[in-house]
Amino acid sequence: MSGDEHKALLAQFQAELDEAKADVSAAMARRDSLQQIVAGLRKLADPGEPHGFGLTQTLPGLDTARSFGDKRLSAPGPRGREAVRILLREAYPKPLHVAEMAQLASDRGWMNDVESRRNALNAAAKRLVQDKEIERGSRRATFRWIQEADR
């Protein structure tokens, strides 16, 4: 290969590298924007947030669903994932066992319409672990909140 061929090859790969850097930069900017949107929607949807308000307060047709006796909508307090998020956030950095979460939910009058609070909270916690919102504790059926900065 001659010197001119090397220079042409170098220029070609430099152009590809510059294009790849631009693509990465755009993807990172999109990721950052999506993270902000998701964080904002979480605050809006989480009735446990002191500065937010639950989506259940803003959904159209909610009063109609309640008037027809939908137990899930008429039960006081958060359910499932929302309940787990609130309880673990309040307990942070201490992990909570599912039995403790069930007792706390019961004490607050949450999820009175479910057959087994413990099973419902355990299933919700497992889904939150899969979504990387919480982590498993060192004991079986124990979970811990992950701070936003640690995700």
Foldseek 3Di string as FASTA:
>chain_A
DDPVVVVVVVVVVVVVVVVVVVVVVVVVVVVVVVVVVVVVVCQQCQCLRPPHHHVCVVDPCLVVCVVVPPPVSPQDDDFQLSLLQNVQVVVPPDKDALVRSLVVCVVVRGPPVDPDRSVRNLVSQVVCVVVVQWHADPDPRIIHGDDPVRD
